[in-house]
Amino acid sequence: MPSKERRPLKQPPASPPPYVTTEKVMQTYRMPRELVDYLKKQAQDRGLDLTAFVNRVLDGYRTYYGLPLAVSEILEADREALGMEKLSYFLHVFYRRGEAIQANKPGFDNPTGRRR
């Protein structure tokens, strides 16, 4: 009886690394107090300091928030096809999600079937 040839399992592409260097640069920004207060609260709620939280949010913007590379490449191609800069594209995606929620209901596609 001939032996069956086994194919190796196809591995999903890795997400891009969060940082390619350990070099840190000091940068200063002016922000409205309300924004700083909001960011500090968001960081505190997650057990992070403000710098770590801001780095996480900004790097998420750069990397499509850690989505797998295959997904982020598809989104990037869509963004380019629509002729949008990245922030406008995110707003477009959020708007379209809002339309889907309005047509269905909040949590309609929850994989567990439960809503909080």
C-alpha atoms as a PDB file:
ATOM      1  CA  MET A   1       0.000   0.000   0.000  1.00  0.00           C
ATOM      2  CA  PRO A   2       1.544   3.329  -1.023  1.00  0.00           C
ATOM      3  CA  SER A   3       2.281   5.741   1.781  1.00  0.00           C
ATOM      4  CA  LYS A   4       0.280   8.925   1.856  1.00  0.00           C
ATOM      5  CA  GLU A   5       2.299  12.052   1.383  1.00  0.00           C
ATOM      6  CA  ARG A   6       1.712  14.512   4.201  1.00  0.00           C
ATOM      7  CA  ARG A   7       1.746  18.170   3.461  1.00  0.00           C
ATOM      8  CA  PRO A   8       3.011  20.495   6.157  1.00  0.00           C
ATOM      9  CA  LEU A   9       0.321  22.652   7.714  1.00  0.00           C
ATOM     10  CA  LYS A  10       0.230  26.109   6.235  1.00  0.00           C
ATOM     11  CA  GLN A  11       1.070  28.665   8.903  1.00  0.00           C
ATOM     12  CA  PRO A  12      -0.660  32.054   8.899  1.00  0.00           C
ATOM     13  CA  PRO A  13       1.647  34.967   8.141  1.00  0.00           C
ATOM     14  CA  ALA A  14       3.130  36.636  11.170  1.00  0.00           C
ATOM     15  CA  SER A  15       2.032  40.091  12.255  1.00  0.00           C
ATOM     16  CA  PRO A  16       4.614  42.822  11.714  1.00  0.00           C
ATOM     17  CA  PRO A  17       6.878  43.359  14.703  1.00  0.00           C
ATOM     18  CA  PRO A  18       5.751  46.188  16.964  1.00  0.00           C
ATOM     19  CA  TYR A  19       9.156  47.866  16.781  1.00  0.00           C
ATOM     20  CA  VAL A  20      12.218  47.216  14.667  1.00  0.00           C
ATOM     21  CA  THR A  21      14.606  49.073  16.958  1.00  0.00           C
ATOM     22  CA  THR A  22      15.055  49.543  20.664  1.00  0.00           C
ATOM     23  CA  GLU A  23      16.199  53.135  20.157  1.00  0.00           C
ATOM     24  CA  LYS A  24      13.893  55.594  21.906  1.00  0.00           C
ATOM     25  CA  VAL A  25      13.452  59.213  20.878  1.00  0.00           C
ATOM     26  CA  MET A  26      12.144  61.910  23.193  1.00  0.00           C
ATOM     27  CA  GLN A  27       9.377  63.885  21.489  1.00  0.00           C
ATOM     28  CA  THR A  28       7.129  66.605  22.900  1.00  0.00           C
ATOM     29  CA  TYR A  29       3.587  67.385  21.730  1.00  0.00           C
ATOM     30  CA  ARG A  30       1.083  70.005  22.763  1.00  0.00           C
ATOM     31  CA  MET A  31      -2.376  68.605  23.443  1.00  0.00           C
ATOM     32  CA  PRO A  32      -5.552  69.960  24.938  1.00  0.00           C
ATOM     33  CA  ARG A  33      -5.832  69.132  28.643  1.00  0.00           C
ATOM     34  CA  GLU A  34      -9.066  67.203  28.031  1.00  0.00           C
ATOM     35  CA  LEU A  35      -7.241  64.898  25.606  1.00  0.00           C
ATOM     36  CA  VAL A  36      -4.388  64.308  28.048  1.00  0.00           C
ATOM     37  CA  ASP A  37      -6.858  63.578  30.854  1.00  0.00           C
ATOM     38  CA  TYR A  38      -8.722  61.130  28.602  1.00  0.00           C
ATOM     39  CA  LEU A  39      -5.496  59.368  27.572  1.00  0.00           C
ATOM     40  CA  LYS A  40      -4.310  59.128  31.175  1.00  0.00           C
ATOM     41  CA  LYS A  41      -7.644  57.551  32.200  1.00  0.00           C
ATOM     42  CA  GLN A  42      -7.499  55.068  29.321  1.00  0.00           C
ATOM     43  CA  ALA A  43      -3.932  54.130  30.273  1.00  0.00           C
ATOM     44  CA  GLN A  44      -4.810  53.793  33.960  1.00  0.00           C
ATOM     45  CA  ASP A  45      -7.823  51.574  33.163  1.00  0.00           C
ATOM     46  CA  ARG A  46      -5.453  49.218  31.322  1.00  0.00           C
ATOM     47  CA  GLY A  47      -2.718  49.269  33.943  1.00  0.00           C
ATOM     48  CA  LEU A  48      -0.308  51.168  31.684  1.00  0.00           C
ATOM     49  CA  ASP A  49       1.597  54.379  32.087  1.00  0.00           C
ATOM     50  CA  LEU A  50       0.745  57.181  29.665  1.00  0.00           C
ATOM     51  CA  THR A  51       3.857  56.679  27.514  1.00  0.00           C
ATOM     52  CA  ALA A  52       3.202  52.952  27.073  1.00  0.00           C
ATOM     53  CA  PHE A  53      -0.440  53.598  26.194  1.00  0.00           C
ATOM     54  CA  VAL A  54       0.322  56.334  23.657  1.00  0.00           C
ATOM     55  CA  ASN A  55       3.011  54.135  22.076  1.00  0.00           C
ATOM     56  CA  ARG A  56       0.530  51.266  21.857  1.00  0.00           C
ATOM     57  CA  VAL A  57      -2.145  53.405  20.207  1.00  0.00           C
ATOM     58  CA  LEU A  58       0.235  55.026  17.732  1.00  0.00           C
ATOM     59  CA  ASP A  59       1.909  51.742  16.823  1.00  0.00           C
ATOM     60  CA  GLY A  60      -1.539  50.229  16.395  1.00  0.00           C
ATOM     61  CA  TYR A  61      -2.315  52.944  13.866  1.00  0.00           C
ATOM     62  CA  ARG A  62       0.871  52.016  12.011  1.00  0.00           C
ATOM     63  CA  THR A  63       0.265  48.246  12.060  1.00  0.00           C
ATOM     64  CA  TYR A  64      -3.542  48.053  11.684  1.00  0.00           C
ATOM     65  CA  TYR A  65      -3.761  47.308  15.403  1.00  0.00           C
ATOM     66  CA  GLY A  66      -1.930  44.007  15.272  1.00  0.00           C
ATOM     67  CA  LEU A  67      -4.145  42.313  12.723  1.00  0.00           C
ATOM     68  CA  PRO A  68      -2.435  39.460  10.874  1.00  0.00           C
ATOM     69  CA  LEU A  69      -0.259  40.655   8.012  1.00  0.00           C
ATOM     70  CA  ALA A  70      -2.530  39.051   5.406  1.00  0.00           C
ATOM     71  CA  VAL A  71      -5.509  41.058   6.701  1.00  0.00           C
ATOM     72  CA  SER A  72      -3.596  44.316   7.043  1.00  0.00           C
ATOM     73  CA  GLU A  73      -2.311  43.941   3.468  1.00  0.00           C
ATOM     74  CA  ILE A  74      -5.890  43.515   2.197  1.00  0.00           C
ATOM     75  CA  LEU A  75      -7.027  46.566   4.159  1.00  0.00           C
ATOM     76  CA  GLU A  76      -4.078  48.589   2.902  1.00  0.00           C
ATOM     77  CA  ALA A  77      -4.892  47.618  -0.707  1.00  0.00           C
ATOM     78  CA  ASP A  78      -8.525  48.637  -0.125  1.00  0.00           C
ATOM     79  CA  ARG A  79      -7.451  51.954   1.377  1.00  0.00           C
ATOM     80  CA  GLU A  80      -5.235  52.680  -1.625  1.00  0.00           C
ATOM     81  CA  ALA A  81      -7.982  51.649  -4.085  1.00  0.00           C
ATOM     82  CA  LEU A  82     -10.353  54.077  -2.365  1.00  0.00           C
ATOM     83  CA  GLY A  83      -7.718  56.826  -2.520  1.00  0.00           C
ATOM     84  CA  MET A  84      -7.962  57.565   1.199  1.00  0.00           C
ATOM     85  CA  GLU A  85      -5.286  58.475   3.681  1.00  0.00           C
ATOM     86  CA  LYS A  86      -5.129  56.127   6.655  1.00  0.00           C
ATOM     87  CA  LEU A  87      -7.126  58.132   9.218  1.00  0.00           C
ATOM     88  CA  SER A  88      -9.923  58.771   6.706  1.00  0.00           C
ATOM     89  CA  TYR A  89      -9.940  55.066   5.910  1.00  0.00           C
ATOM     90  CA  PHE A  90     -10.322  54.135   9.587  1.00  0.00           C
ATOM     91  CA  LEU A  91     -13.229  56.579   9.871  1.00  0.00           C
ATOM     92  CA  HIS A  92     -14.773  55.026   6.740  1.00  0.00           C
ATOM     93  CA  VAL A  93     -14.467  51.507   8.213  1.00  0.00           C
ATOM     94  CA  PHE A  94     -15.993  52.639  11.528  1.00  0.00           C
ATOM     95  CA  TYR A  95     -18.843  54.345   9.672  1.00  0.00           C
ATOM     96  CA  ARG A  96     -19.552  51.195   7.657  1.00  0.00           C
ATOM     97  CA  ARG A  97     -19.543  49.166  10.880  1.00  0.00           C
ATOM     98  CA  GLY A  98     -22.066  51.630  12.306  1.00  0.00           C
ATOM     99  CA  GLU A  99     -24.301  51.023   9.288  1.00  0.00           C
ATOM    100  CA  ALA A 100     -24.091  47.267   9.846  1.00  0.00           C
ATOM    101  CA  ILE A 101     -25.023  47.673  13.514  1.00  0.00           C
ATOM    102  CA  GLN A 102     -27.931  49.943  12.613  1.00  0.00           C
ATOM    103  CA  ALA A 103     -29.208  47.369  10.094  1.00  0.00           C
ATOM    104  CA  ASN A 104     -28.906  44.536  12.626  1.00  0.00           C
ATOM    105  CA  LYS A 105     -28.284  45.180  16.328  1.00  0.00           C
ATOM    106  CA  PRO A 106     -25.311  45.783  18.614  1.00  0.00           C
ATOM    107  CA  GLY A 107     -23.239  42.628  18.952  1.00  0.00           C
ATOM    108  CA  PHE A 108     -25.031  40.938  16.024  1.00  0.00           C
ATOM    109  CA  ASP A 109     -21.895  39.107  14.900  1.00  0.00           C
ATOM    110  CA  ASN A 110     -20.562  38.119  18.321  1.00  0.00           C
ATOM    111  CA  PRO A 111     -19.001  34.672  17.741  1.00  0.00           C
ATOM    112  CA  THR A 112     -20.156  33.455  21.169  1.00  0.00           C
ATOM    113  CA  GLY A 113     -23.735  34.454  20.429  1.00  0.00           C
ATOM    114  CA  ARG A 114     -23.866  36.340  23.736  1.00  0.00           C
ATOM    115  CA  ARG A 115     -24.037  40.060  24.199  1.00  0.00           C
ATOM    116  CA  ARG A 116     -22.784  41.888  27.240  1.00  0.00           C
END
